[in-house]
Amino acid sequence: MEITAYFRDVVKQDAQKLKNYFAKDAKVLWHNTNECFTAEEFIRANCEYPGSWDGEIEILTPMQDGWILAARVWEKDLAQNGKEASFHVVSFVHMQGEKISRIDEYWGDDGKAPQWRLDKKIGTPIR
């Protein structure tokens, strides 16, 4: 399985292509919101998420049974709705042969540092 193709199809919200990536009993866990999905439920949650999205993989590291993927995902239609929606995600993608058997995923909203750290003048922007 090509992990970059999987990520592209997630961002494109392509339900038909996503079905081909998962093992029959695959699970997807979103730890931030305490949710566990079957592959079918995950595809529905991903593809019915409002908006039109784009994204890029920032880090892709192999692990013994799959991949660690860190990416940025953002809403493509920012000019239309007037507000910025951007997220970072870290996914631990576990494989069973050529199919995904489990994904442990952690999502975070992008934004500026909290005011208390800005007030202390600690840290610098990454980019």
C-alpha atoms as a PDB file:
ATOM      1  CA  MET A   1       0.000   0.000   0.000  1.00  0.00           C
ATOM      2  CA  GLU A   2       1.223   3.483  -0.852  1.00  0.00           C
ATOM      3  CA  ILE A   3       0.808   5.579   2.336  1.00  0.00           C
ATOM      4  CA  THR A   4       1.056   8.893   0.473  1.00  0.00           C
ATOM      5  CA  ALA A   5      -1.814   7.815  -1.829  1.00  0.00           C
ATOM      6  CA  TYR A   6      -3.869   6.930   1.260  1.00  0.00           C
ATOM      7  CA  PHE A   7      -3.259  10.387   2.745  1.00  0.00           C
ATOM      8  CA  ARG A   8      -4.162  12.063  -0.561  1.00  0.00           C
ATOM      9  CA  ASP A   9      -7.458  10.141  -0.676  1.00  0.00           C
ATOM     10  CA  VAL A  10      -8.228  11.067   2.946  1.00  0.00           C
ATOM     11  CA  VAL A  11      -7.739  14.760   2.168  1.00  0.00           C
ATOM     12  CA  LYS A  12      -9.780  14.472  -1.056  1.00  0.00           C
ATOM     13  CA  GLN A  13     -12.528  12.716   0.943  1.00  0.00           C
ATOM     14  CA  ASP A  14     -12.674   9.960  -1.686  1.00  0.00           C
ATOM     15  CA  ALA A  15     -14.850   7.287  -0.033  1.00  0.00           C
ATOM     16  CA  GLN A  16     -14.597   4.835  -2.938  1.00  0.00           C
ATOM     17  CA  LYS A  17     -10.797   4.754  -2.885  1.00  0.00           C
ATOM     18  CA  LEU A  18     -10.558   4.762   0.925  1.00  0.00           C
ATOM     19  CA  LYS A  19     -12.513   1.498   1.187  1.00  0.00           C
ATOM     20  CA  ASN A  20      -9.638  -0.333  -0.518  1.00  0.00           C
ATOM     21  CA  TYR A  21      -7.046   0.561   2.110  1.00  0.00           C
ATOM     22  CA  PHE A  22      -8.555  -1.161   5.159  1.00  0.00           C
ATOM     23  CA  ALA A  23      -8.583  -4.703   6.506  1.00  0.00           C
ATOM     24  CA  LYS A  24     -12.052  -6.094   7.200  1.00  0.00           C
ATOM     25  CA  ASP A  25     -11.885  -5.599  10.995  1.00  0.00           C
ATOM     26  CA  ALA A  26      -9.792  -2.394  11.004  1.00  0.00           C
ATOM     27  CA  LYS A  27     -10.256   0.195  13.746  1.00  0.00           C
ATOM     28  CA  VAL A  28      -9.479   3.917  13.772  1.00  0.00           C
ATOM     29  CA  LEU A  29      -9.052   5.592  17.155  1.00  0.00           C
ATOM     30  CA  TRP A  30      -9.312   9.355  17.607  1.00  0.00           C
ATOM     31  CA  HIS A  31      -7.838   9.724  21.076  1.00  0.00           C
ATOM     32  CA  ASN A  32      -8.548  13.476  21.439  1.00  0.00           C
ATOM     33  CA  THR A  33     -12.306  12.862  21.302  1.00  0.00           C
ATOM     34  CA  ASN A  34     -12.354   9.318  22.747  1.00  0.00           C
ATOM     35  CA  GLU A  35     -13.857   7.754  19.599  1.00  0.00           C
ATOM     36  CA  CYS A  36     -13.276   4.355  18.028  1.00  0.00           C
ATOM     37  CA  PHE A  37     -14.511   3.784  14.475  1.00  0.00           C
ATOM     38  CA  THR A  38     -14.815   0.802  12.192  1.00  0.00           C
ATOM     39  CA  ALA A  39     -13.251   1.458   8.784  1.00  0.00           C
ATOM     40  CA  GLU A  40     -16.712   2.157   7.371  1.00  0.00           C
ATOM     41  CA  GLU A  41     -17.540   4.624  10.165  1.00  0.00           C
ATOM     42  CA  PHE A  42     -14.165   6.348   9.778  1.00  0.00           C
ATOM     43  CA  ILE A  43     -14.678   6.766   6.039  1.00  0.00           C
ATOM     44  CA  ARG A  44     -18.114   8.235   6.669  1.00  0.00           C
ATOM     45  CA  ALA A  45     -16.819  10.619   9.374  1.00  0.00           C
ATOM     46  CA  ASN A  46     -13.932  11.712   7.141  1.00  0.00           C
ATOM     47  CA  CYS A  47     -15.880  12.075   3.902  1.00  0.00           C
ATOM     48  CA  GLU A  48     -18.907  13.800   5.452  1.00  0.00           C
ATOM     49  CA  TYR A  49     -16.753  16.302   7.364  1.00  0.00           C
ATOM     50  CA  PRO A  50     -17.869  19.740   6.135  1.00  0.00           C
ATOM     51  CA  GLY A  51     -15.671  21.730   3.786  1.00  0.00           C
ATOM     52  CA  SER A  52     -13.142  21.111   1.065  1.00  0.00           C
ATOM     53  CA  TRP A  53      -9.650  20.212   2.280  1.00  0.00           C
ATOM     54  CA  ASP A  54      -6.023  20.077   1.269  1.00  0.00           C
ATOM     55  CA  GLY A  55      -2.971  18.852   3.113  1.00  0.00           C
ATOM     56  CA  GLU A  56       0.652  17.844   3.069  1.00  0.00           C
ATOM     57  CA  ILE A  57       2.680  15.206   4.827  1.00  0.00           C
ATOM     58  CA  GLU A  58       5.419  16.842   6.886  1.00  0.00           C
ATOM     59  CA  ILE A  59       7.021  13.720   8.379  1.00  0.00           C
ATOM     60  CA  LEU A  60       6.719  10.105   7.267  1.00  0.00           C
ATOM     61  CA  THR A  61       8.614   7.499   9.266  1.00  0.00           C
ATOM     62  CA  PRO A  62       8.405   3.725   8.903  1.00  0.00           C
ATOM     63  CA  MET A  63       7.768   1.624  12.008  1.00  0.00           C
ATOM     64  CA  GLN A  64       7.889  -2.141  12.385  1.00  0.00           C
ATOM     65  CA  ASP A  65       4.287  -2.750  11.300  1.00  0.00           C
ATOM     66  CA  GLY A  66       3.438   0.437   9.412  1.00  0.00           C
ATOM     67  CA  TRP A  67       3.996   4.176   9.393  1.00  0.00           C
ATOM     68  CA  ILE A  68       4.094   7.254  11.583  1.00  0.00           C
ATOM     69  CA  LEU A  69       2.669  10.144   9.604  1.00  0.00           C
ATOM     70  CA  ALA A  70       2.603  13.804  10.694  1.00  0.00           C
ATOM     71  CA  ALA A  71       0.702  16.169   8.429  1.00  0.00           C
ATOM     72  CA  ARG A  72      -0.967  19.544   8.148  1.00  0.00           C
ATOM     73  CA  VAL A  73      -4.548  19.707   6.840  1.00  0.00           C
ATOM     74  CA  TRP A  74      -6.294  22.972   5.965  1.00  0.00           C
ATOM     75  CA  GLU A  75      -9.591  24.127   4.518  1.00  0.00           C
ATOM     76  CA  LYS A  76      -9.238  25.122   0.849  1.00  0.00           C
ATOM     77  CA  ASP A  77     -12.122  27.593   0.824  1.00  0.00           C
ATOM     78  CA  LEU A  78     -10.755  30.058   3.400  1.00  0.00           C
ATOM     79  CA  ALA A  79     -11.607  33.106   1.285  1.00  0.00           C
ATOM     80  CA  GLN A  80     -15.255  32.064   1.054  1.00  0.00           C
ATOM     81  CA  ASN A  81     -16.006  31.523   4.729  1.00  0.00           C
ATOM     82  CA  GLY A  82     -13.728  34.202   6.156  1.00  0.00           C
ATOM     83  CA  LYS A  83     -12.126  32.062   8.860  1.00  0.00           C
ATOM     84  CA  GLU A  84      -9.051  29.894   8.880  1.00  0.00           C
ATOM     85  CA  ALA A  85      -9.323  26.189   9.629  1.00  0.00           C
ATOM     86  CA  SER A  86      -5.998  24.411   9.882  1.00  0.00           C
ATOM     87  CA  PHE A  87      -4.963  21.319  11.806  1.00  0.00           C
ATOM     88  CA  HIS A  88      -1.987  19.087  12.455  1.00  0.00           C
ATOM     89  CA  VAL A  89      -2.445  15.342  12.744  1.00  0.00           C
ATOM     90  CA  VAL A  90      -0.167  12.545  13.845  1.00  0.00           C
ATOM     91  CA  SER A  91      -1.227   9.077  12.723  1.00  0.00           C
ATOM     92  CA  PHE A  92       0.233   5.742  13.767  1.00  0.00           C
ATOM     93  CA  VAL A  93      -0.845   3.531  10.867  1.00  0.00           C
ATOM     94  CA  HIS A  94      -0.584  -0.203  11.613  1.00  0.00           C
ATOM     95  CA  MET A  95      -0.576  -2.594   8.677  1.00  0.00           C
ATOM     96  CA  GLN A  96      -1.632  -6.193   8.262  1.00  0.00           C
ATOM     97  CA  GLY A  97      -0.058  -7.203   4.983  1.00  0.00           C
ATOM     98  CA  GLU A  98      -1.071  -4.529   2.463  1.00  0.00           C
ATOM     99  CA  LYS A  99      -4.122  -3.345   4.453  1.00  0.00           C
ATOM    100  CA  ILE A 100      -4.524  -0.947   7.378  1.00  0.00           C
ATOM    101  CA  SER A 101      -5.491  -2.832  10.539  1.00  0.00           C
ATOM    102  CA  ARG A 102      -5.492   0.074  13.005  1.00  0.00           C
ATOM    103  CA  ILE A 103      -4.846   3.794  13.100  1.00  0.00           C
ATOM    104  CA  ASP A 104      -4.198   5.740  16.299  1.00  0.00           C
ATOM    105  CA  GLU A 105      -4.709   9.390  15.403  1.00  0.00           C
ATOM    106  CA  TYR A 106      -4.153  12.641  17.289  1.00  0.00           C
ATOM    107  CA  TRP A 107      -5.561  15.934  15.933  1.00  0.00           C
ATOM    108  CA  GLY A 108      -4.745  19.445  17.065  1.00  0.00           C
ATOM    109  CA  ASP A 109      -6.036  22.848  15.969  1.00  0.00           C
ATOM    110  CA  ASP A 110      -3.397  25.188  14.599  1.00  0.00           C
ATOM    111  CA  GLY A 111      -3.196  28.593  16.213  1.00  0.00           C
ATOM    112  CA  LYS A 112      -0.911  31.046  17.900  1.00  0.00           C
ATOM    113  CA  ALA A 113       0.807  30.392  21.191  1.00  0.00           C
ATOM    114  CA  PRO A 114      -1.236  31.086  24.336  1.00  0.00           C
ATOM    115  CA  GLN A 115      -1.015  34.610  25.707  1.00  0.00           C
ATOM    116  CA  TRP A 116       0.791  33.583  28.896  1.00  0.00           C
ATOM    117  CA  ARG A 117       3.756  32.303  26.850  1.00  0.00           C
ATOM    118  CA  LEU A 118       3.699  35.354  24.573  1.00  0.00           C
ATOM    119  CA  ASP A 119       3.762  37.564  27.701  1.00  0.00           C
ATOM    120  CA  LYS A 120       6.826  35.695  28.996  1.00  0.00           C
ATOM    121  CA  LYS A 121       8.539  36.104  25.599  1.00  0.00           C
ATOM    122  CA  ILE A 122       9.604  32.470  25.543  1.00  0.00           C
ATOM    123  CA  GLY A 123       9.813  30.354  22.405  1.00  0.00           C
ATOM    124  CA  THR A 124      10.140  31.470  18.804  1.00  0.00           C
ATOM    125  CA  PRO A 125       8.077  30.680  15.696  1.00  0.00           C
ATOM    126  CA  ILE A 126       9.023  27.473  13.883  1.00  0.00           C
ATOM    127  CA  ARG A 127       8.562  29.110  10.476  1.00  0.00           C
END
